[in-house]
Amino acid sequence: MAQNATSPHRVPRTTRGVPPQPHRRGSAGPARHRRASRGGRTNWRRFSCAAAGALVLAAGTVATTTAASVPVSFAVAGNPFSVTAERLEAEGAVQFASFRQDASGGRHAVAAVGIREAKLYRLCQSAVARTPLGTATLRIRSGGREPVRASSLALDLASLRGDMAFGSVQMGRDASTLQGGGVTGPAGTYGQQARTLTIDGMRMKAWSLTAGLFSLKGATMDVDAGAHPCR
């Protein structure tokens, strides 16, 4: 009778000549073992799906930002750069006053400008960098008579000079209601917009420039020691 009693420490039944196999990770174990480990183990399949979904959403956000040229806030450099052109032709232009902040926390008053489509002839862009080793100038020039083409253009201007002509202009419009240029300002702020804008002999200094498209054909880039901005 004692031999037939069930023992709480009975050894599992095995196949003749084959020792018992230990439980391997990932193999089907007892149901109570699976239930006990469920609370502390990461479900990698769910984690992978969640991570993939997050990457897809992030990629979609980047693609949307690029396509729509939504202005992204970033710290500007400590000095504005120069942009010159023989002529700018734009469709859909808006402007209002704002501020931009540099990496050291300094605030700079700017004229925020948005342009839907633009052509710039004989473009020159330059930035002067003053480093502990000396001063250097980076210049980019467009080539030939082919214009630079830009769309969804947003600029923060420090200054602008040239012969300007506005078509269908509205001045004194609330900056939050501006249309056609792709950017708007705070409610109650002075704004202006125009259906068309041309500038001959354009000379500007800008804190930042972003664009959905900025195409230069036959462009050249060079770096020279010293300060040699575009004139």
C-alpha atoms as a PDB file:
ATOM      1  CA  MET A   1       0.000   0.000   0.000  1.00  0.00           C
ATOM      2  CA  ALA A   2       2.816   2.367   0.857  1.00  0.00           C
ATOM      3  CA  GLN A   3       4.481   1.732  -2.504  1.00  0.00           C
ATOM      4  CA  ASN A   4       1.333   2.687  -4.419  1.00  0.00           C
ATOM      5  CA  ALA A   5       0.843   5.968  -2.517  1.00  0.00           C
ATOM      6  CA  THR A   6       1.492   9.085  -4.496  1.00  0.00           C
ATOM      7  CA  SER A   7       4.691  10.785  -3.333  1.00  0.00           C
ATOM      8  CA  PRO A   8       5.022  14.590  -3.588  1.00  0.00           C
ATOM      9  CA  HIS A   9       8.667  14.041  -4.617  1.00  0.00           C
ATOM     10  CA  ARG A  10       8.098  11.410  -7.321  1.00  0.00           C
ATOM     11  CA  VAL A  11      10.661  11.547 -10.158  1.00  0.00           C
ATOM     12  CA  PRO A  12       9.068  12.212 -13.601  1.00  0.00           C
ATOM     13  CA  ARG A  13       8.517   9.108 -15.722  1.00  0.00           C
ATOM     14  CA  THR A  14      11.164   8.764 -18.470  1.00  0.00           C
ATOM     15  CA  THR A  15      11.719   6.734 -21.595  1.00  0.00           C
ATOM     16  CA  ARG A  16      13.892   3.659 -20.981  1.00  0.00           C
ATOM     17  CA  GLY A  17      17.573   4.538 -21.367  1.00  0.00           C
ATOM     18  CA  VAL A  18      16.987   8.275 -21.925  1.00  0.00           C
ATOM     19  CA  PRO A  19      17.662  10.643 -19.034  1.00  0.00           C
ATOM     20  CA  PRO A  20      15.114  13.352 -18.229  1.00  0.00           C
ATOM     21  CA  GLN A  21      15.555  16.492 -20.391  1.00  0.00           C
ATOM     22  CA  PRO A  22      15.837  19.838 -18.604  1.00  0.00           C
ATOM     23  CA  HIS A  23      13.284  22.519 -19.422  1.00  0.00           C
ATOM     24  CA  ARG A  24      14.689  24.800 -22.142  1.00  0.00           C
ATOM     25  CA  ARG A  25      13.991  28.515 -22.422  1.00  0.00           C
ATOM     26  CA  GLY A  26      11.339  29.147 -25.026  1.00  0.00           C
ATOM     27  CA  SER A  27       9.976  25.579 -24.904  1.00  0.00           C
ATOM     28  CA  ALA A  28       6.455  24.832 -23.725  1.00  0.00           C
ATOM     29  CA  GLY A  29       6.646  24.426 -19.985  1.00  0.00           C
ATOM     30  CA  PRO A  30       3.973  23.888 -17.356  1.00  0.00           C
ATOM     31  CA  ALA A  31       1.061  26.306 -17.550  1.00  0.00           C
ATOM     32  CA  ARG A  32       1.718  27.565 -14.034  1.00  0.00           C
ATOM     33  CA  HIS A  33       5.321  28.399 -15.022  1.00  0.00           C
ATOM     34  CA  ARG A  34       4.123  30.445 -17.990  1.00  0.00           C
ATOM     35  CA  ARG A  35       1.640  32.287 -15.819  1.00  0.00           C
ATOM     36  CA  ALA A  36       4.276  33.034 -13.189  1.00  0.00           C
ATOM     37  CA  SER A  37       6.807  34.428 -15.673  1.00  0.00           C
ATOM     38  CA  ARG A  38       4.300  36.519 -17.629  1.00  0.00           C
ATOM     39  CA  GLY A  39       4.439  39.425 -15.221  1.00  0.00           C
ATOM     40  CA  GLY A  40       8.232  39.904 -15.277  1.00  0.00           C
ATOM     41  CA  ARG A  41       9.231  38.936 -18.825  1.00  0.00           C
ATOM     42  CA  THR A  42       9.180  41.385 -21.772  1.00  0.00           C
ATOM     43  CA  ASN A  43       6.869  40.365 -24.579  1.00  0.00           C
ATOM     44  CA  TRP A  44       9.337  40.946 -27.420  1.00  0.00           C
ATOM     45  CA  ARG A  45       6.739  40.423 -30.139  1.00  0.00           C
ATOM     46  CA  ARG A  46       4.580  43.227 -28.743  1.00  0.00           C
ATOM     47  CA  PHE A  47       7.670  45.363 -28.135  1.00  0.00           C
ATOM     48  CA  SER A  48       8.792  44.942 -31.761  1.00  0.00           C
ATOM     49  CA  CYS A  49       5.356  45.897 -33.073  1.00  0.00           C
ATOM     50  CA  ALA A  50       5.227  48.971 -30.827  1.00  0.00           C
ATOM     51  CA  ALA A  51       8.748  50.052 -31.830  1.00  0.00           C
ATOM     52  CA  ALA A  52       7.963  49.606 -35.522  1.00  0.00           C
ATOM     53  CA  GLY A  53       4.792  51.657 -35.108  1.00  0.00           C
ATOM     54  CA  ALA A  54       6.706  54.438 -33.373  1.00  0.00           C
ATOM     55  CA  LEU A  55       9.280  54.517 -36.184  1.00  0.00           C
ATOM     56  CA  VAL A  56       6.544  54.713 -38.804  1.00  0.00           C
ATOM     57  CA  LEU A  57       4.881  57.589 -36.958  1.00  0.00           C
ATOM     58  CA  ALA A  58       8.217  59.395 -36.574  1.00  0.00           C
ATOM     59  CA  ALA A  59       8.994  58.951 -40.266  1.00  0.00           C
ATOM     60  CA  GLY A  60       5.541  60.252 -41.148  1.00  0.00           C
ATOM     61  CA  THR A  61       6.083  63.321 -38.986  1.00  0.00           C
ATOM     62  CA  VAL A  62       9.437  64.058 -40.641  1.00  0.00           C
ATOM     63  CA  ALA A  63       7.959  63.567 -44.119  1.00  0.00           C
ATOM     64  CA  THR A  64       5.050  65.868 -43.306  1.00  0.00           C
ATOM     65  CA  THR A  65       7.370  68.519 -41.892  1.00  0.00           C
ATOM     66  CA  THR A  66       9.573  68.393 -44.992  1.00  0.00           C
ATOM     67  CA  ALA A  67       6.709  68.412 -47.470  1.00  0.00           C
ATOM     68  CA  ALA A  68       4.854  71.265 -45.801  1.00  0.00           C
ATOM     69  CA  SER A  69       7.997  73.078 -44.654  1.00  0.00           C
ATOM     70  CA  VAL A  70       6.566  73.583 -41.181  1.00  0.00           C
ATOM     71  CA  PRO A  71       9.028  75.932 -39.432  1.00  0.00           C
ATOM     72  CA  VAL A  72      10.965  73.936 -36.843  1.00  0.00           C
ATOM     73  CA  SER A  73      12.353  75.847 -33.871  1.00  0.00           C
ATOM     74  CA  PHE A  74      16.141  75.725 -33.559  1.00  0.00           C
ATOM     75  CA  ALA A  75      18.834  77.901 -32.017  1.00  0.00           C
ATOM     76  CA  VAL A  76      20.340  80.240 -34.609  1.00  0.00           C
ATOM     77  CA  ALA A  77      24.047  80.952 -34.971  1.00  0.00           C
ATOM     78  CA  GLY A  78      25.597  83.893 -33.176  1.00  0.00           C
ATOM     79  CA  ASN A  79      25.831  85.999 -36.347  1.00  0.00           C
ATOM     80  CA  PRO A  80      23.537  86.431 -39.353  1.00  0.00           C
ATOM     81  CA  PHE A  81      24.644  85.272 -42.800  1.00  0.00           C
ATOM     82  CA  SER A  82      24.440  87.241 -46.056  1.00  0.00           C
ATOM     83  CA  VAL A  83      22.342  86.530 -49.155  1.00  0.00           C
ATOM     84  CA  THR A  84      22.530  88.605 -52.333  1.00  0.00           C
ATOM     85  CA  ALA A  85      20.806  88.263 -55.710  1.00  0.00           C
ATOM     86  CA  GLU A  86      20.411  90.314 -58.838  1.00  0.00           C
ATOM     87  CA  ARG A  87      16.674  89.723 -58.702  1.00  0.00           C
ATOM     88  CA  LEU A  88      14.048  87.863 -56.660  1.00  0.00           C
ATOM     89  CA  GLU A  89      10.642  86.984 -58.087  1.00  0.00           C
ATOM     90  CA  ALA A  90       8.128  85.599 -55.579  1.00  0.00           C
ATOM     91  CA  GLU A  91       4.501  84.514 -55.463  1.00  0.00           C
ATOM     92  CA  GLY A  92       2.692  84.550 -52.133  1.00  0.00           C
ATOM     93  CA  ALA A  93       4.694  86.553 -49.579  1.00  0.00           C
ATOM     94  CA  VAL A  94       3.896  87.372 -45.933  1.00  0.00           C
ATOM     95  CA  GLN A  95       5.837  89.217 -43.223  1.00  0.00           C
ATOM     96  CA  PHE A  96       5.544  89.994 -39.502  1.00  0.00           C
ATOM     97  CA  ALA A  97       7.856  90.898 -36.613  1.00  0.00           C
ATOM     98  CA  SER A  98       9.165  88.246 -34.232  1.00  0.00           C
ATOM     99  CA  PHE A  99      12.180  87.151 -32.161  1.00  0.00           C
ATOM    100  CA  ARG A 100      14.717  84.333 -32.554  1.00  0.00           C
ATOM    101  CA  GLN A 101      17.030  82.923 -29.888  1.00  0.00           C
ATOM    102  CA  ASP A 102      20.631  81.817 -30.350  1.00  0.00           C
ATOM    103  CA  ALA A 103      22.436  78.954 -28.576  1.00  0.00           C
ATOM    104  CA  SER A 104      23.695  81.231 -25.789  1.00  0.00           C
ATOM    105  CA  GLY A 105      20.174  82.457 -24.993  1.00  0.00           C
ATOM    106  CA  GLY A 106      20.417  85.830 -26.749  1.00  0.00           C
ATOM    107  CA  ARG A 107      17.225  87.130 -28.353  1.00  0.00           C
ATOM    108  CA  HIS A 108      17.226  88.838 -31.755  1.00  0.00           C
ATOM    109  CA  ALA A 109      14.413  90.864 -33.300  1.00  0.00           C
ATOM    110  CA  VAL A 110      13.641  89.559 -36.796  1.00  0.00           C
ATOM    111  CA  ALA A 111      11.324  90.124 -39.710  1.00  0.00           C
ATOM    112  CA  ALA A 112       9.748  86.700 -40.227  1.00  0.00           C
ATOM    113  CA  VAL A 113       9.066  86.178 -43.932  1.00  0.00           C
ATOM    114  CA  GLY A 114       7.205  83.365 -45.679  1.00  0.00           C
ATOM    115  CA  ILE A 115       7.239  82.865 -49.477  1.00  0.00           C
ATOM    116  CA  ARG A 116       5.272  80.194 -51.314  1.00  0.00           C
ATOM    117  CA  GLU A 117       7.371  80.133 -54.530  1.00  0.00           C
ATOM    118  CA  ALA A 118      10.496  82.079 -55.447  1.00  0.00           C
ATOM    119  CA  LYS A 119      13.120  82.448 -58.177  1.00  0.00           C
ATOM    120  CA  LEU A 120      16.465  84.071 -57.374  1.00  0.00           C
ATOM    121  CA  TYR A 121      18.926  85.097 -60.087  1.00  0.00           C
ATOM    122  CA  ARG A 122      22.705  85.239 -59.530  1.00  0.00           C
ATOM    123  CA  LEU A 123      22.440  84.125 -55.921  1.00  0.00           C
ATOM    124  CA  CYS A 124      25.348  84.383 -53.495  1.00  0.00           C
ATOM    125  CA  GLN A 125      25.159  83.161 -49.896  1.00  0.00           C
ATOM    126  CA  SER A 126      27.991  83.610 -47.405  1.00  0.00           C
ATOM    127  CA  ALA A 127      28.660  82.962 -43.735  1.00  0.00           C
ATOM    128  CA  VAL A 128      31.667  84.317 -41.844  1.00  0.00           C
ATOM    129  CA  ALA A 129      32.932  82.059 -39.052  1.00  0.00           C
ATOM    130  CA  ARG A 130      35.207  83.484 -36.374  1.00  0.00           C
ATOM    131  CA  THR A 131      37.062  80.681 -34.608  1.00  0.00           C
ATOM    132  CA  PRO A 132      39.978  80.491 -32.134  1.00  0.00           C
ATOM    133  CA  LEU A 133      42.185  79.591 -35.119  1.00  0.00           C
ATOM    134  CA  GLY A 134      41.076  82.539 -37.231  1.00  0.00           C
ATOM    135  CA  THR A 135      38.307  83.792 -39.489  1.00  0.00           C
ATOM    136  CA  ALA A 136      36.981  81.908 -42.495  1.00  0.00           C
ATOM    137  CA  THR A 137      34.187  82.557 -45.011  1.00  0.00           C
ATOM    138  CA  LEU A 138      31.972  79.929 -46.625  1.00  0.00           C
ATOM    139  CA  ARG A 139      30.364  81.014 -49.920  1.00  0.00           C
ATOM    140  CA  ILE A 140      27.814  79.331 -52.176  1.00  0.00           C
ATOM    141  CA  ARG A 141      27.029  80.756 -55.637  1.00  0.00           C
ATOM    142  CA  SER A 142      24.452  79.719 -58.203  1.00  0.00           C
ATOM    143  CA  GLY A 143      25.694  79.091 -61.720  1.00  0.00           C
ATOM    144  CA  GLY A 144      24.913  80.829 -65.005  1.00  0.00           C
ATOM    145  CA  ARG A 145      21.582  82.428 -65.804  1.00  0.00           C
ATOM    146  CA  GLU A 146      19.515  79.533 -64.473  1.00  0.00           C
ATOM    147  CA  PRO A 147      17.593  80.816 -61.418  1.00  0.00           C
ATOM    148  CA  VAL A 148      17.603  79.234 -58.006  1.00  0.00           C
ATOM    149  CA  ARG A 149      14.158  77.801 -57.333  1.00  0.00           C
ATOM    150  CA  ALA A 150      12.700  77.681 -53.831  1.00  0.00           C
ATOM    151  CA  SER A 151       9.334  76.713 -52.400  1.00  0.00           C
ATOM    152  CA  SER A 152       7.798  76.929 -48.926  1.00  0.00           C
ATOM    153  CA  LEU A 153      10.538  79.390 -48.017  1.00  0.00           C
ATOM    154  CA  ALA A 154      10.750  80.800 -44.471  1.00  0.00           C
ATOM    155  CA  LEU A 155      13.338  83.391 -43.431  1.00  0.00           C
ATOM    156  CA  ASP A 156      14.195  85.317 -40.274  1.00  0.00           C
ATOM    157  CA  LEU A 157      15.682  88.574 -41.551  1.00  0.00           C
ATOM    158  CA  ALA A 158      17.942  91.023 -39.759  1.00  0.00           C
ATOM    159  CA  SER A 159      17.916  93.477 -42.679  1.00  0.00           C
ATOM    160  CA  LEU A 160      16.843  93.750 -46.322  1.00  0.00           C
ATOM    161  CA  ARG A 161      17.778  96.247 -49.063  1.00  0.00           C
ATOM    162  CA  GLY A 162      16.786  96.526 -52.715  1.00  0.00           C
ATOM    163  CA  ASP A 163      14.203  97.919 -55.123  1.00  0.00           C
ATOM    164  CA  MET A 164      10.924  96.256 -54.094  1.00  0.00           C
ATOM    165  CA  ALA A 165       7.579  96.011 -55.866  1.00  0.00           C
ATOM    166  CA  PHE A 166       4.506  94.444 -54.223  1.00  0.00           C
ATOM    167  CA  GLY A 167       1.440  93.210 -56.118  1.00  0.00           C
ATOM    168  CA  SER A 168      -1.989  93.121 -54.420  1.00  0.00           C
ATOM    169  CA  VAL A 169      -0.484  94.078 -51.059  1.00  0.00           C
ATOM    170  CA  GLN A 170      -2.300  94.193 -47.696  1.00  0.00           C
ATOM    171  CA  MET A 171      -0.575  96.031 -44.806  1.00  0.00           C
ATOM    172  CA  GLY A 172      -1.731  96.104 -41.195  1.00  0.00           C
ATOM    173  CA  ARG A 173      -3.358  92.669 -41.342  1.00  0.00           C
ATOM    174  CA  ASP A 174      -3.381  90.582 -38.155  1.00  0.00           C
ATOM    175  CA  ALA A 175      -0.388  88.237 -38.391  1.00  0.00           C
ATOM    176  CA  SER A 176      -2.461  85.236 -37.269  1.00  0.00           C
ATOM    177  CA  THR A 177      -4.668  85.569 -40.387  1.00  0.00           C
ATOM    178  CA  LEU A 178      -1.934  85.832 -43.030  1.00  0.00           C
ATOM    179  CA  GLN A 179      -2.462  83.648 -46.094  1.00  0.00           C
ATOM    180  CA  GLY A 180      -0.426  82.494 -49.061  1.00  0.00           C
ATOM    181  CA  GLY A 181       3.077  82.512 -47.555  1.00  0.00           C
ATOM    182  CA  GLY A 182       2.895  79.374 -45.445  1.00  0.00           C
ATOM    183  CA  VAL A 183       3.636  81.032 -42.075  1.00  0.00           C
ATOM    184  CA  THR A 184       1.555  83.020 -39.594  1.00  0.00           C
ATOM    185  CA  GLY A 185       2.370  85.057 -36.507  1.00  0.00           C
ATOM    186  CA  PRO A 186       0.832  85.666 -33.074  1.00  0.00           C
ATOM    187  CA  ALA A 187      -2.665  87.133 -32.883  1.00  0.00           C
ATOM    188  CA  GLY A 188      -2.649  90.905 -32.518  1.00  0.00           C
ATOM    189  CA  THR A 189       0.750  91.304 -34.232  1.00  0.00           C
ATOM    190  CA  TYR A 190       1.162  93.567 -37.278  1.00  0.00           C
ATOM    191  CA  GLY A 191       1.462  91.653 -40.536  1.00  0.00           C
ATOM    192  CA  GLN A 192       1.465  92.264 -44.257  1.00  0.00           C
ATOM    193  CA  GLN A 193       1.037  90.091 -47.325  1.00  0.00           C
ATOM    194  CA  ALA A 194       1.260  90.395 -51.096  1.00  0.00           C
ATOM    195  CA  ARG A 195       0.241  88.228 -54.017  1.00  0.00           C
ATOM    196  CA  THR A 196       3.547  88.944 -55.794  1.00  0.00           C
ATOM    197  CA  LEU A 197       6.900  90.417 -54.766  1.00  0.00           C
ATOM    198  CA  THR A 198       9.955  91.399 -56.833  1.00  0.00           C
ATOM    199  CA  ILE A 199      13.255  92.740 -55.488  1.00  0.00           C
ATOM    200  CA  ASP A 200      16.032  94.023 -57.736  1.00  0.00           C
ATOM    201  CA  GLY A 201      19.552  94.327 -56.313  1.00  0.00           C
ATOM    202  CA  MET A 202      18.572  92.293 -53.236  1.00  0.00           C
ATOM    203  CA  ARG A 203      20.910  92.472 -50.242  1.00  0.00           C
ATOM    204  CA  MET A 204      19.811  90.730 -47.055  1.00  0.00           C
ATOM    205  CA  LYS A 205      21.175  89.492 -43.760  1.00  0.00           C
ATOM    206  CA  ALA A 206      19.310  86.540 -42.287  1.00  0.00           C
ATOM    207  CA  TRP A 207      19.407  84.597 -39.030  1.00  0.00           C
ATOM    208  CA  SER A 208      17.831  81.494 -40.544  1.00  0.00           C
ATOM    209  CA  LEU A 209      16.408  80.060 -43.752  1.00  0.00           C
ATOM    210  CA  THR A 210      14.306  76.926 -44.220  1.00  0.00           C
ATOM    211  CA  ALA A 211      12.635  75.639 -47.376  1.00  0.00           C
ATOM    212  CA  GLY A 212      10.687  72.663 -48.641  1.00  0.00           C
ATOM    213  CA  LEU A 213      12.788  72.908 -51.827  1.00  0.00           C
ATOM    214  CA  PHE A 214      15.958  74.902 -52.550  1.00  0.00           C
ATOM    215  CA  SER A 215      17.426  73.973 -55.940  1.00  0.00           C
ATOM    216  CA  LEU A 216      20.689  75.380 -57.344  1.00  0.00           C
ATOM    217  CA  LYS A 217      21.987  74.220 -60.735  1.00  0.00           C
ATOM    218  CA  GLY A 218      25.682  74.554 -61.519  1.00  0.00           C
ATOM    219  CA  ALA A 219      26.383  75.881 -58.017  1.00  0.00           C
ATOM    220  CA  THR A 220      29.864  76.337 -56.557  1.00  0.00           C
ATOM    221  CA  MET A 221      31.025  76.359 -52.938  1.00  0.00           C
ATOM    222  CA  ASP A 222      34.347  77.651 -51.616  1.00  0.00           C
ATOM    223  CA  VAL A 223      35.983  78.503 -48.304  1.00  0.00           C
ATOM    224  CA  ASP A 224      38.543  81.309 -47.890  1.00  0.00           C
ATOM    225  CA  ALA A 225      40.527  82.569 -44.932  1.00  0.00           C
ATOM    226  CA  GLY A 226      39.368  85.964 -43.686  1.00  0.00           C
ATOM    227  CA  ALA A 227      36.046  87.786 -43.922  1.00  0.00           C
ATOM    228  CA  HIS A 228      34.767  87.896 -47.511  1.00  0.00           C
ATOM    229  CA  PRO A 229      30.954  88.072 -47.429  1.00  0.00           C
ATOM    230  CA  CYS A 230      28.819  88.389 -50.540  1.00  0.00           C
ATOM    231  CA  ARG A 231      28.450  92.021 -51.603  1.00  0.00           C
END
